[in-house]
PDB file of N, CA and C in Angstrom:
ATOM      1  N   UNK A   1       0.845  -1.170   0.000  1.00  0.00           N
ATOM      2  CA  UNK A   1       0.000   0.000   0.000  1.00  0.00           C
ATOM      3  C   UNK A   1       0.893   1.236   0.000  1.00  0.00           C
ATOM      4  N   UNK A   2       0.548   2.188  -0.839  1.00  0.00           N
ATOM      5  CA  UNK A   2       1.301   3.435  -0.873  1.00  0.00           C
ATOM      6  C   UNK A   2       0.508   4.516  -0.140  1.00  0.00           C
ATOM      7  N   UNK A   3       1.178   5.633   0.123  1.00  0.00           N
ATOM      8  CA  UNK A   3       0.586   6.702   0.933  1.00  0.00           C
ATOM      9  C   UNK A   3      -0.774   7.150   0.388  1.00  0.00           C
ATOM     10  N   UNK A   4      -0.881   7.346  -0.919  1.00  0.00           N
ATOM     11  CA  UNK A   4      -2.151   7.811  -1.498  1.00  0.00           C
ATOM     12  C   UNK A   4      -3.266   6.781  -1.295  1.00  0.00           C
ATOM     13  N   UNK A   5      -2.928   5.496  -1.344  1.00  0.00           N
ATOM     14  CA  UNK A   5      -3.936   4.451  -1.095  1.00  0.00           C
ATOM     15  C   UNK A   5      -4.376   4.456   0.364  1.00  0.00           C
ATOM     16  N   UNK A   6      -3.440   4.681   1.273  1.00  0.00           N
ATOM     17  CA  UNK A   6      -3.772   4.778   2.693  1.00  0.00           C
ATOM     18  C   UNK A   6      -4.729   5.948   2.928  1.00  0.00           C
ATOM     19  N   UNK A   7      -4.422   7.089   2.345  1.00  0.00           N
ATOM     20  CA  UNK A   7      -5.273   8.278   2.488  1.00  0.00           C
ATOM     21  C   UNK A   7      -6.662   7.988   1.940  1.00  0.00           C
ATOM     22  N   UNK A   8      -6.724   7.384   0.782  1.00  0.00           N
ATOM     23  CA  UNK A   8      -8.012   7.057   0.150  1.00  0.00           C
ATOM     24  C   UNK A   8      -8.832   6.115   1.029  1.00  0.00           C
ATOM     25  N   UNK A   9      -8.183   5.100   1.580  1.00  0.00           N
ATOM     26  CA  UNK A   9      -8.884   4.121   2.411  1.00  0.00           C
ATOM     27  C   UNK A   9      -9.411   4.763   3.696  1.00  0.00           C
ATOM     28  N   UNK A  10      -8.594   5.587   4.337  1.00  0.00           N
ATOM     29  CA  UNK A  10      -9.039   6.265   5.563  1.00  0.00           C
ATOM     30  C   UNK A  10     -10.195   7.202   5.259  1.00  0.00           C
ATOM     31  N   UNK A  11     -10.091   7.946   4.169  1.00  0.00           N
ATOM     32  CA  UNK A  11     -11.156   8.882   3.784  1.00  0.00           C
ATOM     33  C   UNK A  11     -12.457   8.147   3.486  1.00  0.00           C
ATOM     34  N   UNK A  12     -12.371   6.994   2.812  1.00  0.00           N
ATOM     35  CA  UNK A  12     -13.592   6.251   2.463  1.00  0.00           C
ATOM     36  C   UNK A  12     -14.261   5.649   3.693  1.00  0.00           C
ATOM     37  N   UNK A  13     -13.473   5.337   4.727  1.00  0.00           N
ATOM     38  CA  UNK A  13     -14.034   4.771   5.954  1.00  0.00           C
ATOM     39  C   UNK A  13     -14.528   5.842   6.925  1.00  0.00           C
ATOM     40  N   UNK A  14     -14.193   7.086   6.647  1.00  0.00           N
ATOM     41  CA  UNK A  14     -14.582   8.191   7.517  1.00  0.00           C
ATOM     42  C   UNK A  14     -15.216   9.288   6.675  1.00  0.00           C
ATOM     43  N   UNK A  15     -16.461   9.053   6.284  1.00  0.00           N
ATOM     44  CA  UNK A  15     -17.173   9.949   5.385  1.00  0.00           C
ATOM     45  C   UNK A  15     -17.310  11.374   5.878  1.00  0.00           C
ATOM     46  N   UNK A  16     -17.192  11.583   7.185  1.00  0.00           N
ATOM     47  CA  UNK A  16     -17.314  12.930   7.746  1.00  0.00           C
ATOM     48  C   UNK A  16     -16.045  13.761   7.568  1.00  0.00           C
ATOM     49  N   UNK A  17     -14.976  13.133   7.065  1.00  0.00           N
ATOM     50  CA  UNK A  17     -13.707  13.840   6.845  1.00  0.00           C
ATOM     51  C   UNK A  17     -13.488  14.068   5.353  1.00  0.00           C
ATOM     52  N   UNK A  18     -12.967  15.240   5.029  1.00  0.00           N
ATOM     53  CA  UNK A  18     -12.586  15.516   3.647  1.00  0.00           C
ATOM     54  C   UNK A  18     -11.267  14.816   3.349  1.00  0.00           C
ATOM     55  N   UNK A  19     -11.112  14.380   2.097  1.00  0.00           N
ATOM     56  CA  UNK A  19      -9.882  13.676   1.731  1.00  0.00           C
ATOM     57  C   UNK A  19      -8.667  14.575   1.945  1.00  0.00           C
ATOM     58  N   UNK A  20      -8.783  15.871   1.673  1.00  0.00           N
ATOM     59  CA  UNK A  20      -7.643  16.781   1.860  1.00  0.00           C
ATOM     60  C   UNK A  20      -7.245  16.874   3.326  1.00  0.00           C
ATOM     61  N   UNK A  21      -8.243  16.759   4.246  1.00  0.00           N
ATOM     62  CA  UNK A  21      -7.935  16.784   5.672  1.00  0.00           C
ATOM     63  C   UNK A  21      -7.229  15.490   6.094  1.00  0.00           C
ATOM     64  N   UNK A  22      -7.678  14.367   5.554  1.00  0.00           N
ATOM     65  CA  UNK A  22      -7.040  13.088   5.842  1.00  0.00           C
ATOM     66  C   UNK A  22      -5.598  13.124   5.337  1.00  0.00           C
ATOM     67  N   UNK A  23      -5.389  13.687   4.157  1.00  0.00           N
ATOM     68  CA  UNK A  23      -4.040  13.794   3.605  1.00  0.00           C
ATOM     69  C   UNK A  23      -3.148  14.639   4.511  1.00  0.00           C
ATOM     70  N   UNK A  24      -3.682  15.740   5.025  1.00  0.00           N
ATOM     71  CA  UNK A  24      -2.928  16.597   5.949  1.00  0.00           C
ATOM     72  C   UNK A  24      -2.569  15.838   7.220  1.00  0.00           C
ATOM     73  N   UNK A  25      -3.503  15.081   7.750  1.00  0.00           N
ATOM     74  CA  UNK A  25      -3.278  14.313   8.982  1.00  0.00           C
ATOM     75  C   UNK A  25      -2.195  13.260   8.768  1.00  0.00           C
ATOM     76  N   UNK A  26      -2.327  12.465   7.711  1.00  0.00           N
ATOM     77  CA  UNK A  26      -1.366  11.397   7.433  1.00  0.00           C
ATOM     78  C   UNK A  26       0.027  11.981   7.196  1.00  0.00           C
ATOM     79  N   UNK A  27       0.107  13.044   6.399  1.00  0.00           N
ATOM     80  CA  UNK A  27       1.392  13.679   6.115  1.00  0.00           C
ATOM     81  C   UNK A  27       2.020  14.229   7.385  1.00  0.00           C
ATOM     82  N   UNK A  28       1.225  14.847   8.239  1.00  0.00           N
ATOM     83  CA  UNK A  28       1.731  15.397   9.497  1.00  0.00           C
ATOM     84  C   UNK A  28       2.280  14.294  10.398  1.00  0.00           C
ATOM     85  N   UNK A  29       1.562  13.194  10.509  1.00  0.00           N
ATOM     86  CA  UNK A  29       2.022  12.074  11.342  1.00  0.00           C
ATOM     87  C   UNK A  29       3.353  11.528  10.825  1.00  0.00           C
ATOM     88  N   UNK A  30       3.437  11.287   9.517  1.00  0.00           N
ATOM     89  CA  UNK A  30       4.671  10.745   8.940  1.00  0.00           C
ATOM     90  C   UNK A  30       5.828  11.733   9.073  1.00  0.00           C
ATOM     91  N   UNK A  31       5.549  13.022   8.883  1.00  0.00           N
ATOM     92  CA  UNK A  31       6.595  14.041   9.039  1.00  0.00           C
ATOM     93  C   UNK A  31       7.099  14.099  10.475  1.00  0.00           C
ATOM     94  N   UNK A  32       6.200  13.993  11.441  1.00  0.00           N
ATOM     95  CA  UNK A  32       6.604  14.033  12.847  1.00  0.00           C
ATOM     96  C   UNK A  32       7.440  12.816  13.227  1.00  0.00           C
ATOM     97  N   UNK A  33       7.096  11.661  12.688  1.00  0.00           N
ATOM     98  CA  UNK A  33       7.904  10.461  12.932  1.00  0.00           C
ATOM     99  C   UNK A  33       9.306  10.675  12.363  1.00  0.00           C
ATOM    100  N   UNK A  34       9.394  11.205  11.144  1.00  0.00           N
ATOM    101  CA  UNK A  34      10.697  11.445  10.509  1.00  0.00           C
ATOM    102  C   UNK A  34      11.509  12.467  11.295  1.00  0.00           C
ATOM    103  N   UNK A  35      10.872  13.530  11.765  1.00  0.00           N
ATOM    104  CA  UNK A  35      11.580  14.544  12.551  1.00  0.00           C
ATOM    105  C   UNK A  35      12.096  13.968  13.867  1.00  0.00           C
ATOM    106  N   UNK A  36      11.273  13.160  14.513  1.00  0.00           N
ATOM    107  CA  UNK A  36      11.689  12.541  15.778  1.00  0.00           C
ATOM    108  C   UNK A  36      12.894  11.628  15.552  1.00  0.00           C
ATOM    109  N   UNK A  37      12.873  10.843  14.488  1.00  0.00           N
ATOM    110  CA  UNK A  37      14.002   9.963  14.189  1.00  0.00           C
ATOM    111  C   UNK A  37      15.249  10.782  13.869  1.00  0.00           C
ATOM    112  N   UNK A  38      15.077  11.895  13.161  1.00  0.00           N
ATOM    113  CA  UNK A  38      16.218  12.755  12.835  1.00  0.00           C
ATOM    114  C   UNK A  38      16.853  13.335  14.103  1.00  0.00           C
ATOM    115  N   UNK A  39      16.044  13.554  15.130  1.00  0.00           N
ATOM    116  CA  UNK A  39      16.557  14.037  16.422  1.00  0.00           C
ATOM    117  C   UNK A  39      17.192  12.908  17.233  1.00  0.00           C
ATOM    118  N   UNK A  40      17.008  11.666  16.771  1.00  0.00           N
ATOM    119  CA  UNK A  40      17.538  10.523  17.504  1.00  0.00           C
ATOM    120  C   UNK A  40      16.545   9.942  18.491  1.00  0.00           C
ATOM    121  N   UNK A  41      15.302  10.397  18.437  1.00  0.00           N
ATOM    122  CA  UNK A  41      14.261   9.887  19.336  1.00  0.00           C
ATOM    123  C   UNK A  41      13.704   8.567  18.818  1.00  0.00           C
ATOM    124  N   UNK A  42      13.043   7.861  19.699  1.00  0.00           N
ATOM    125  CA  UNK A  42      12.354   6.616  19.365  1.00  0.00           C
ATOM    126  C   UNK A  42      10.865   6.930  19.343  1.00  0.00           C
ATOM    127  N   UNK A  43      10.132   6.385  18.381  1.00  0.00           N
ATOM    128  CA  UNK A  43       8.691   6.616  18.277  1.00  0.00           C
ATOM    129  C   UNK A  43       7.989   5.278  18.441  1.00  0.00           C
ATOM    130  N   UNK A  44       7.134   5.179  19.467  1.00  0.00           N
ATOM    131  CA  UNK A  44       6.415   3.940  19.719  1.00  0.00           C
ATOM    132  C   UNK A  44       4.924   4.167  19.537  1.00  0.00           C
ATOM    133  N   UNK A  45       4.316   3.340  18.712  1.00  0.00           N
ATOM    134  CA  UNK A  45       2.866   3.345  18.514  1.00  0.00           C
ATOM    135  C   UNK A  45       2.360   2.032  19.086  1.00  0.00           C
ATOM    136  N   UNK A  46       1.817   2.094  20.277  1.00  0.00           N
ATOM    137  CA  UNK A  46       1.407   0.877  20.993  1.00  0.00           C
ATOM    138  C   UNK A  46       0.519  -0.002  20.128  1.00  0.00           C
ATOM    139  N   UNK A  47       0.820  -1.277  20.113  1.00  0.00           N
ATOM    140  CA  UNK A  47       0.056  -2.238  19.336  1.00  0.00           C
ATOM    141  C   UNK A  47       0.470  -2.308  17.880  1.00  0.00           C
ATOM    142  N   UNK A  48       1.225  -1.319  17.428  1.00  0.00           N
ATOM    143  CA  UNK A  48       1.658  -1.285  16.029  1.00  0.00           C
ATOM    144  C   UNK A  48       3.142  -1.600  15.923  1.00  0.00           C
ATOM    145  N   UNK A  49       3.973  -0.787  16.597  1.00  0.00           N
ATOM    146  CA  UNK A  49       5.405  -1.024  16.556  1.00  0.00           C
ATOM    147  C   UNK A  49       6.187   0.198  16.986  1.00  0.00           C
ATOM    148  N   UNK A  50       7.499   0.098  16.873  1.00  0.00           N
ATOM    149  CA  UNK A  50       8.376   1.181  17.294  1.00  0.00           C
ATOM    150  C   UNK A  50       9.391   1.485  16.196  1.00  0.00           C
ATOM    151  N   UNK A  51       9.583   2.775  15.951  1.00  0.00           N
ATOM    152  CA  UNK A  51      10.575   3.259  15.011  1.00  0.00           C
ATOM    153  C   UNK A  51      11.770   3.755  15.802  1.00  0.00           C
ATOM    154  N   UNK A  52      12.961   3.425  15.352  1.00  0.00           N
ATOM    155  CA  UNK A  52      14.164   3.920  15.998  1.00  0.00           C
ATOM    156  C   UNK A  52      15.247   4.069  14.930  1.00  0.00           C
ATOM    157  N   UNK A  53      16.390   4.587  15.365  1.00  0.00           N
ATOM    158  CA  UNK A  53      17.509   4.783  14.451  1.00  0.00           C
ATOM    159  C   UNK A  53      18.654   3.895  14.914  1.00  0.00           C
ATOM    160  N   UNK A  54      19.241   3.189  13.981  1.00  0.00           N
ATOM    161  CA  UNK A  54      20.421   2.379  14.276  1.00  0.00           C
ATOM    162  C   UNK A  54      21.594   2.958  13.502  1.00  0.00           C
ATOM    163  N   UNK A  55      22.750   2.854  14.102  1.00  0.00           N
ATOM    164  CA  UNK A  55      23.978   3.348  13.465  1.00  0.00           C
ATOM    165  C   UNK A  55      24.718   2.175  12.823  1.00  0.00           C
ATOM    166  N   UNK A  56      25.179   2.400  11.626  1.00  0.00           N
ATOM    167  CA  UNK A  56      26.030   1.423  10.956  1.00  0.00           C
ATOM    168  C   UNK A  56      27.438   2.000  10.939  1.00  0.00           C
ATOM    169  N   UNK A  57      28.358   1.254  11.487  1.00  0.00           N
ATOM    170  CA  UNK A  57      29.754   1.697  11.561  1.00  0.00           C
ATOM    171  C   UNK A  57      30.357   1.803  10.159  1.00  0.00           C
ATOM    172  N   UNK A  58      31.371   2.638  10.045  1.00  0.00           N
ATOM    173  CA  UNK A  58      32.119   2.723   8.787  1.00  0.00           C
ATOM    174  C   UNK A  58      32.785   1.365   8.553  1.00  0.00           C
ATOM    175  N   UNK A  59      32.906   0.989   7.296  1.00  0.00           N
ATOM    176  CA  UNK A  59      33.480  -0.314   6.993  1.00  0.00           C
ATOM    177  C   UNK A  59      34.064  -0.294   5.585  1.00  0.00           C
ATOM    178  N   UNK A  60      34.743  -1.346   5.262  1.00  0.00           N
ATOM    179  CA  UNK A  60      35.236  -1.516   3.898  1.00  0.00           C
ATOM    180  C   UNK A  60      34.283  -2.453   3.179  1.00  0.00           C
ATOM    181  N   UNK A  61      33.732  -1.970   2.077  1.00  0.00           N
ATOM    182  CA  UNK A  61      32.796  -2.767   1.296  1.00  0.00           C
ATOM    183  C   UNK A  61      33.438  -3.188  -0.014  1.00  0.00           C
ATOM    184  N   UNK A  62      32.631  -3.756  -0.869  1.00  0.00           N
ATOM    185  CA  UNK A  62      33.146  -4.225  -2.147  1.00  0.00           C
ATOM    186  C   UNK A  62      32.163  -3.828  -3.247  1.00  0.00           C
ATOM    187  N   UNK A  63      32.683  -3.254  -4.313  1.00  0.00           N
ATOM    188  CA  UNK A  63      31.868  -2.910  -5.469  1.00  0.00           C
ATOM    189  C   UNK A  63      31.451  -4.218  -6.139  1.00  0.00           C
ATOM    190  N   UNK A  64      30.146  -4.500  -6.242  1.00  0.00           N
ATOM    191  CA  UNK A  64      29.709  -5.797  -6.788  1.00  0.00           C
ATOM    192  C   UNK A  64      30.072  -5.985  -8.264  1.00  0.00           C
ATOM    193  N   UNK A  65      30.215  -4.911  -9.015  1.00  0.00           N
ATOM    194  CA  UNK A  65      30.557  -5.037 -10.433  1.00  0.00           C
ATOM    195  C   UNK A  65      32.025  -5.350 -10.645  1.00  0.00           C
ATOM    196  N   UNK A  66      32.857  -4.593  -9.928  1.00  0.00           N
ATOM    197  CA  UNK A  66      34.298  -4.706 -10.194  1.00  0.00           C
ATOM    198  C   UNK A  66      35.041  -5.530  -9.158  1.00  0.00           C
ATOM    199  N   UNK A  67      34.434  -5.722  -7.986  1.00  0.00           N
ATOM    200  CA  UNK A  67      35.107  -6.437  -6.926  1.00  0.00           C
ATOM    201  C   UNK A  67      36.084  -5.552  -6.158  1.00  0.00           C
ATOM    202  N   UNK A  68      36.201  -4.296  -6.583  1.00  0.00           N
ATOM    203  CA  UNK A  68      37.114  -3.349  -5.956  1.00  0.00           C
ATOM    204  C   UNK A  68      36.634  -2.985  -4.551  1.00  0.00           C
ATOM    205  N   UNK A  69      37.569  -2.840  -3.626  1.00  0.00           N
ATOM    206  CA  UNK A  69      37.215  -2.450  -2.264  1.00  0.00           C
ATOM    207  C   UNK A  69      36.912  -0.955  -2.235  1.00  0.00           C
ATOM    208  N   UNK A  70      35.874  -0.608  -1.497  1.00  0.00           N
ATOM    209  CA  UNK A  70      35.490   0.798  -1.331  1.00  0.00           C
ATOM    210  C   UNK A  70      35.203   1.048   0.140  1.00  0.00           C
ATOM    211  N   UNK A  71      35.442   2.269   0.580  1.00  0.00           N
ATOM    212  CA  UNK A  71      35.138   2.587   1.975  1.00  0.00           C
ATOM    213  C   UNK A  71      33.697   3.076   2.067  1.00  0.00           C
ATOM    214  N   UNK A  72      32.975   2.566   3.033  1.00  0.00           N
ATOM    215  CA  UNK A  72      31.586   2.936   3.263  1.00  0.00           C
ATOM    216  C   UNK A  72      31.554   3.711   4.573  1.00  0.00           C
ATOM    217  N   UNK A  73      31.049   4.938   4.504  1.00  0.00           N
ATOM    218  CA  UNK A  73      31.021   5.795   5.682  1.00  0.00           C
ATOM    219  C   UNK A  73      29.995   5.312   6.700  1.00  0.00           C
ATOM    220  N   UNK A  74      30.175   5.750   7.935  1.00  0.00           N
ATOM    221  CA  UNK A  74      29.194   5.475   8.987  1.00  0.00           C
ATOM    222  C   UNK A  74      27.886   6.150   8.587  1.00  0.00           C
ATOM    223  N   UNK A  75      26.776   5.498   8.897  1.00  0.00           N
ATOM    224  CA  UNK A  75      25.485   6.112   8.571  1.00  0.00           C
ATOM    225  C   UNK A  75      24.423   5.670   9.556  1.00  0.00           C
ATOM    226  N   UNK A  76      23.355   6.444   9.588  1.00  0.00           N
ATOM    227  CA  UNK A  76      22.188   6.132  10.408  1.00  0.00           C
ATOM    228  C   UNK A  76      21.113   5.569   9.499  1.00  0.00           C
ATOM    229  N   UNK A  77      20.440   4.526   9.960  1.00  0.00           N
ATOM    230  CA  UNK A  77      19.370   3.913   9.172  1.00  0.00           C
ATOM    231  C   UNK A  77      18.131   3.754  10.053  1.00  0.00           C
ATOM    232  N   UNK A  78      16.940   3.964   9.480  1.00  0.00           N
ATOM    233  CA  UNK A  78      15.719   3.772  10.260  1.00  0.00           C
ATOM    234  C   UNK A  78      15.490   2.282  10.501  1.00  0.00           C
ATOM    235  N   UNK A  79      14.894   1.972  11.642  1.00  0.00           N
ATOM    236  CA  UNK A  79      14.619   0.593  12.013  1.00  0.00           C
ATOM    237  C   UNK A  79      13.207   0.535  12.564  1.00  0.00           C
ATOM    238  N   UNK A  80      12.456  -0.490  12.182  1.00  0.00           N
ATOM    239  CA  UNK A  80      11.087  -0.665  12.670  1.00  0.00           C
ATOM    240  C   UNK A  80      10.949  -2.044  13.283  1.00  0.00           C
ATOM    241  N   UNK A  81      10.418  -2.074  14.483  1.00  0.00           N
ATOM    242  CA  UNK A  81      10.146  -3.355  15.148  1.00  0.00           C
ATOM    243  C   UNK A  81       8.645  -3.433  15.395  1.00  0.00           C
ATOM    244  N   UNK A  82       8.027  -4.494  14.908  1.00  0.00           N
ATOM    245  CA  UNK A  82       6.585  -4.633  15.077  1.00  0.00           C
ATOM    246  C   UNK A  82       6.234  -4.860  16.539  1.00  0.00           C
ATOM    247  N   UNK A  83       5.046  -4.392  16.892  1.00  0.00           N
ATOM    248  CA  UNK A  83       4.537  -4.604  18.237  1.00  0.00           C
ATOM    249  C   UNK A  83       3.910  -5.983  18.360  1.00  0.00           C
ATOM    250  N   UNK A  84       3.714  -6.400  19.590  1.00  0.00           N
ATOM    251  CA  UNK A  84       3.158  -7.729  19.853  1.00  0.00           C
ATOM    252  C   UNK A  84       1.784  -7.894  19.211  1.00  0.00           C
ATOM    253  N   UNK A  85       0.913  -6.894  19.361  1.00  0.00           N
ATOM    254  CA  UNK A  85      -0.436  -6.980  18.802  1.00  0.00           C
ATOM    255  C   UNK A  85      -0.397  -7.097  17.282  1.00  0.00           C
ATOM    256  N   UNK A  86       0.494  -6.373  16.633  1.00  0.00           N
ATOM    257  CA  UNK A  86       0.626  -6.449  15.177  1.00  0.00           C
ATOM    258  C   UNK A  86       1.075  -7.842  14.752  1.00  0.00           C
ATOM    259  N   UNK A  87       2.079  -8.395  15.430  1.00  0.00           N
ATOM    260  CA  UNK A  87       2.546  -9.752  15.099  1.00  0.00           C
ATOM    261  C   UNK A  87       1.422 -10.765  15.273  1.00  0.00           C
ATOM    262  N   UNK A  88       0.658 -10.631  16.360  1.00  0.00           N
ATOM    263  CA  UNK A  88      -0.447 -11.566  16.599  1.00  0.00           C
ATOM    264  C   UNK A  88      -1.499 -11.461  15.508  1.00  0.00           C
ATOM    265  N   UNK A  89      -1.823 -10.240  15.086  1.00  0.00           N
ATOM    266  CA  UNK A  89      -2.826 -10.054  14.030  1.00  0.00           C
ATOM    267  C   UNK A  89      -2.348 -10.627  12.711  1.00  0.00           C
ATOM    268  N   UNK A  90      -1.074 -10.444  12.405  1.00  0.00           N
ATOM    269  CA  UNK A  90      -0.532 -10.992  11.161  1.00  0.00           C
ATOM    270  C   UNK A  90      -0.566 -12.503  11.156  1.00  0.00           C
ATOM    271  N   UNK A  91      -0.192 -13.099  12.267  1.00  0.00           N
ATOM    272  CA  UNK A  91      -0.185 -14.564  12.369  1.00  0.00           C
ATOM    273  C   UNK A  91      -1.588 -15.146  12.418  1.00  0.00           C
ATOM    274  N   UNK A  92      -2.512 -14.416  12.970  1.00  0.00           N
ATOM    275  CA  UNK A  92      -3.901 -14.837  13.050  1.00  0.00           C
ATOM    276  C   UNK A  92      -4.502 -14.948  11.649  1.00  0.00           C
ATOM    277  N   UNK A  93      -4.235 -13.965  10.781  1.00  0.00           N
ATOM    278  CA  UNK A  93      -4.801 -13.986   9.428  1.00  0.00           C
ATOM    279  C   UNK A  93      -4.082 -14.998   8.544  1.00  0.00           C
ATOM    280  N   UNK A  94      -2.778 -15.210   8.756  1.00  0.00           N
ATOM    281  CA  UNK A  94      -2.073 -16.157   7.889  1.00  0.00           C
ATOM    282  C   UNK A  94      -2.362 -17.606   8.260  1.00  0.00           C
ATOM    283  N   UNK A  95      -2.774 -17.852   9.514  1.00  0.00           N
ATOM    284  CA  UNK A  95      -3.078 -19.210   9.941  1.00  0.00           C
ATOM    285  C   UNK A  95      -4.556 -19.558   9.799  1.00  0.00           C
ATOM    286  N   UNK A  96      -5.408 -18.533   9.639  1.00  0.00           N
ATOM    287  CA  UNK A  96      -6.837 -18.780   9.655  1.00  0.00           C
ATOM    288  C   UNK A  96      -7.370 -18.972   8.325  1.00  0.00           C
TER     289      UNK A  96
END
């Protein structure tokens, strides 16, 4: 599902909301999560999961085309861990 599909689905399930308002809400939530991660904060949505930032140390990598060694700088990457309720719901639908 892409962002526009999420907005469309939320708007269709909530007829009292305008689609443009739903778009503003969804965009604001995603922007706030991104800003919090950029600050190094952890974002937890109970029952859904937690977003955090992990650091990858600098290392020596390899160019897959040439096999040449290249240096890869340290970087921060987003990480998502599903919540218990989300895992249970996923397993419930796949087993049922």
